[in-house]
Amino acid sequence: MSTPEGPTGTVGPAAGGPSPEAALGGPRTSLGIPAARQLATTTKSEPQMQAISSRWLIRMLPWLDIGGGTYRVNRRLQLQVGRGRVRFEQNTADDIRVVPETLAELPVLSGYSDTGVLRELAARFQVREVRPGQVLFEAGQPATEAYLVVHGRVTRYAAGRYGEEAVVGTATDGDQLGDEAIGRSDPLWPTSARADTAGVLLALPLREFAEFADRVPSFAAHLAAYAERERLPVNRKGEADVPLSSGHTGEPELARGFVDYELAPREYELSLTQTVLRVHSRVGDVFSDPMDQTEQQLRLTVEAIRERQEWEMVNNREFGLLHTVDYGQRVSTSSGPPTPDDLDELLSMRRKTGLLLAHPKAITAFFRQCNKRGLLPGTATVNGHQVPAWRGVPIFPCGKIPIGPRHTSSIIALRTGEADQGVVGLHRTGLPEEREPGLNVRFMGVDATAVASYLVTAYYSLAVLVPDAAGILENVLIGRTAE
């Protein structure tokens, strides 16, 4: 049987499928949409960028104009040495050593620079594993060892007035226990300590320090200077005290003194984020209707720079909050997830806390703990936005706060403003070809390939005026826990 063909010899609809008219339900009686689109214009959006965030840290900080590019933070003389954290290097489960130079983070060894002695001292530490619930020492017992926490969580507690157990603090990775007893005669433990989790400690008998002092004159001199400084009168924040008189009558001789300053105050230099934007002249000249191509390229580049700026203000090792907050202003969660009790402790460590910054998943973890207790967090209105709040302090999301490999993060508390001795942002305004405060765009010319270049630069930094202006709740578990 022959196959029917059309007038031009092609296979007809019976063999090759429905005709275009049949596919449209019959012969078309008007202009089709594909053809009509050839004559129509489209309404276009500006280029969108998914990585743009709310950038609450940049928005909420008061910014100071630093004309000279450097900001010096003058403080009163601090006599009590702050406590830092040591670091470790691990080769095997049993071969764990403290990095010798980081022993200077112990208050008693702060400023001691003889690396040979520190290296020998670090080699004397012994690895000790602990199990959950194991008591390391009890209050009132002689302190014979100093401990470094490699990993795990240790709770320090004391007996309350009526026999109950009162938790007075926790020690986690890099913290120390017993270092305050170094150089003291017959020291006693002021509190008890118990391991909450399985962990590893490094232990060193306190007699080792006395042995080093007997044979190393520089070490003995350093311990003596530390002990002398500890005997000087200080206020409750560890600053050199000012002698005062009060409650007297008559005409007694008044106390005399002065307010001493730090001789080497910290200086913050403006950091920067830069890039060179390249735009072909043909693109800018011919394809800039209805939108200016160069302007759109600059707009998105500036957004990317501002995102990087906030990341640096959180994570930069020189001035970022996660690295510059004083270790005395860091607390660990009591059980892992961020509870209302944990945030209350964080808020209690400073006056006039203005804001909390947390990763969105950490905020969700906090809400879960509130739900378990039947609590409803409040809200605060900030610049027309409703944001969650706790005790009236707004909680802002900040995706720049990292999540660690153990699914833990941090929550940052800030008091802001120069007048309140808080945290301030630093930038330089009045820059040549300034586009935004602290950010300028400078035309660098057109090269031989007809490509125009623009140097985009943002200058910024961040300063914590006094230690208690910022605090961190650490080891915030963001995952769900078993019911």
Foldseek 3Di string as FASTA:
>chain_A
DDFDADPVRDHDCVPVNDDPQVVVVHRDDDDDPVVVVVVDDDDDDFDDDPPFDPLVVVVPFAEDADAVQKDFQWDFAFLQDFADFWAWDDDDPQDIWTDLVRVCNLRLNPPPDPSVVSVVQRVQWGKDKDAAFDWPDAFFAFDFKKKFFQAAKKWWWAQDPVRDIGTDAMDGHRDMDPSVCQPPPRDTHHTIMGTRHIGMMIMHTSVVLVVCVVPPVVSVVSNVVSVVSVPADDPPVRGRDAQADDDDDDDDDTDDDDTHIDPDTDMDGWDKDKDKDKDFVCCQPPVQPPHRPVVSSVVVVVSVRSLVVSLCCQDPCPFHPVNPQGPVQEGEDPPQADELVLVVVNCVLDPPFAAKEDAPLSVVSHVVNCVVVVHDFDWDADPNDTATDHPPHGYDYDNSFDQDPQQWTKMKIADHDPVRQTKHKYAHAPDVQADDGQWHKAWPDADPSRMTMIMIMGIIGMDRNDNSRMHMHTNHHSDDDDD
